Amino acid sequence: MDSIHAQLDKCKASLEGKIDFVGQDLAEKRARYILWTSAVVAFLVGFSLQSLKFTFIVFGLGFLTTLGVRVPATLQTTLN
């Protein structure tokens, strides 16, 4: 029974990772900045062109940019 507990503790220790709070905070700030900037730019483009379609296109591009920045940063913090 003790050997099973030892193996489980060993497995748990190997699976548990450390969280990089500083890196996650930086990625969160960048994502928030990109989303807010893309929202303002999308609003201005849509307002100037009087087109809701362009508003959603610009914001969608901003959202995809945010994913491109945020997902690799999240993977990097979880792998290190």
C-alpha atoms as a PDB file:
ATOM      1  CA  MET A   1       0.000   0.000   0.000  1.00  0.00           C
ATOM      2  CA  ASP A   2       2.853   2.375   0.760  1.00  0.00           C
ATOM      3  CA  SER A   3       4.406   1.709  -2.633  1.00  0.00           C
ATOM      4  CA  ILE A   4       1.162   2.771  -4.344  1.00  0.00           C
ATOM      5  CA  HIS A   5       1.080   6.000  -2.339  1.00  0.00           C
ATOM      6  CA  ALA A   6       4.736   6.629  -3.182  1.00  0.00           C
ATOM      7  CA  GLN A   7       4.055   6.100  -6.879  1.00  0.00           C
ATOM      8  CA  LEU A   8       1.013   8.380  -6.765  1.00  0.00           C
ATOM      9  CA  ASP A   9       2.989  11.095  -4.963  1.00  0.00           C
ATOM     10  CA  LYS A  10       5.771  10.768  -7.527  1.00  0.00           C
ATOM     11  CA  CYS A  11       3.265  11.029 -10.395  1.00  0.00           C
ATOM     12  CA  LYS A  12       1.552  14.038  -8.799  1.00  0.00           C
ATOM     13  CA  ALA A  13       4.888  15.797  -8.281  1.00  0.00           C
ATOM     14  CA  SER A  14       5.867  15.253 -11.914  1.00  0.00           C
ATOM     15  CA  LEU A  15       2.528  16.569 -13.253  1.00  0.00           C
ATOM     16  CA  GLU A  16       2.347  19.653 -11.092  1.00  0.00           C
ATOM     17  CA  GLY A  17       3.806  22.716 -12.761  1.00  0.00           C
ATOM     18  CA  LYS A  18       4.779  26.134 -11.578  1.00  0.00           C
ATOM     19  CA  ILE A  19       2.707  29.118 -12.618  1.00  0.00           C
ATOM     20  CA  ASP A  20       4.461  32.195 -13.961  1.00  0.00           C
ATOM     21  CA  PHE A  21       2.221  34.929 -12.583  1.00  0.00           C
ATOM     22  CA  VAL A  22       4.355  37.746 -13.993  1.00  0.00           C
ATOM     23  CA  GLY A  23       4.240  36.306 -17.509  1.00  0.00           C
ATOM     24  CA  GLN A  24       0.516  35.673 -17.306  1.00  0.00           C
ATOM     25  CA  ASP A  25      -0.074  39.225 -16.103  1.00  0.00           C
ATOM     26  CA  LEU A  26       1.976  40.608 -18.993  1.00  0.00           C
ATOM     27  CA  ALA A  27       0.081  38.495 -21.532  1.00  0.00           C
ATOM     28  CA  GLU A  28      -3.229  39.596 -19.994  1.00  0.00           C
ATOM     29  CA  LYS A  29      -2.270  43.285 -20.224  1.00  0.00           C
ATOM     30  CA  ARG A  30      -1.202  42.887 -23.854  1.00  0.00           C
ATOM     31  CA  ALA A  31      -4.428  41.087 -24.739  1.00  0.00           C
ATOM     32  CA  ARG A  32      -6.532  43.766 -23.054  1.00  0.00           C
ATOM     33  CA  TYR A  33      -4.594  46.556 -24.810  1.00  0.00           C
ATOM     34  CA  ILE A  34      -4.948  44.922 -28.240  1.00  0.00           C
ATOM     35  CA  LEU A  35      -8.689  44.286 -27.755  1.00  0.00           C
ATOM     36  CA  TRP A  36      -9.419  47.828 -26.602  1.00  0.00           C
ATOM     37  CA  THR A  37      -7.339  49.310 -29.425  1.00  0.00           C
ATOM     38  CA  SER A  38      -9.025  47.140 -32.032  1.00  0.00           C
ATOM     39  CA  ALA A  39     -12.453  48.060 -30.620  1.00  0.00           C
ATOM     40  CA  VAL A  40     -11.730  51.781 -30.879  1.00  0.00           C
ATOM     41  CA  VAL A  41     -10.242  51.449 -34.369  1.00  0.00           C
ATOM     42  CA  ALA A  42     -13.170  49.274 -35.474  1.00  0.00           C
ATOM     43  CA  PHE A  43     -15.642  51.824 -34.168  1.00  0.00           C
ATOM     44  CA  LEU A  44     -13.868  54.694 -35.929  1.00  0.00           C
ATOM     45  CA  VAL A  45     -13.614  52.790 -39.224  1.00  0.00           C
ATOM     46  CA  GLY A  46     -17.226  51.674 -39.049  1.00  0.00           C
ATOM     47  CA  PHE A  47     -18.426  55.142 -38.121  1.00  0.00           C
ATOM     48  CA  SER A  48     -16.436  56.858 -40.857  1.00  0.00           C
ATOM     49  CA  LEU A  49     -17.541  54.376 -43.531  1.00  0.00           C
ATOM     50  CA  GLN A  50     -21.062  54.015 -42.080  1.00  0.00           C
ATOM     51  CA  SER A  51     -20.691  50.255 -42.324  1.00  0.00           C
ATOM     52  CA  LEU A  52     -21.335  47.747 -39.581  1.00  0.00           C
ATOM     53  CA  LYS A  53     -19.706  45.104 -41.759  1.00  0.00           C
ATOM     54  CA  PHE A  54     -16.334  46.859 -41.657  1.00  0.00           C
ATOM     55  CA  THR A  55     -16.701  47.381 -37.922  1.00  0.00           C
ATOM     56  CA  PHE A  56     -16.989  43.646 -37.352  1.00  0.00           C
ATOM     57  CA  ILE A  57     -14.228  42.852 -39.847  1.00  0.00           C
ATOM     58  CA  VAL A  58     -11.760  45.175 -38.142  1.00  0.00           C
ATOM     59  CA  PHE A  59     -12.713  43.956 -34.677  1.00  0.00           C
ATOM     60  CA  GLY A  60     -12.485  40.346 -35.842  1.00  0.00           C
ATOM     61  CA  LEU A  61      -8.967  40.970 -37.105  1.00  0.00           C
ATOM     62  CA  GLY A  62      -8.115  42.520 -33.748  1.00  0.00           C
ATOM     63  CA  PHE A  63      -9.547  39.486 -31.969  1.00  0.00           C
ATOM     64  CA  LEU A  64      -7.492  37.123 -34.128  1.00  0.00           C
ATOM     65  CA  THR A  65      -4.400  39.219 -33.423  1.00  0.00           C
ATOM     66  CA  THR A  66      -5.127  38.939 -29.718  1.00  0.00           C
ATOM     67  CA  LEU A  67      -5.388  35.167 -30.029  1.00  0.00           C
ATOM     68  CA  GLY A  68      -2.104  35.121 -31.905  1.00  0.00           C
ATOM     69  CA  VAL A  69      -0.419  36.999 -29.081  1.00  0.00           C
ATOM     70  CA  ARG A  70      -2.176  35.394 -26.133  1.00  0.00           C
ATOM     71  CA  VAL A  71      -2.158  31.680 -26.988  1.00  0.00           C
ATOM     72  CA  PRO A  72       1.620  31.353 -27.552  1.00  0.00           C
ATOM     73  CA  ALA A  73       2.238  33.369 -24.374  1.00  0.00           C
ATOM     74  CA  THR A  74      -0.015  31.022 -22.429  1.00  0.00           C
ATOM     75  CA  LEU A  75       1.725  27.976 -23.872  1.00  0.00           C
ATOM     76  CA  GLN A  76       5.115  29.460 -23.052  1.00  0.00           C
ATOM     77  CA  THR A  77       4.187  30.128 -19.428  1.00  0.00           C
ATOM     78  CA  THR A  78       2.763  26.648 -18.939  1.00  0.00           C
ATOM     79  CA  LEU A  79       5.710  24.874 -20.576  1.00  0.00           C
ATOM     80  CA  ASN A  80       8.360  26.707 -18.554  1.00  0.00           C
END
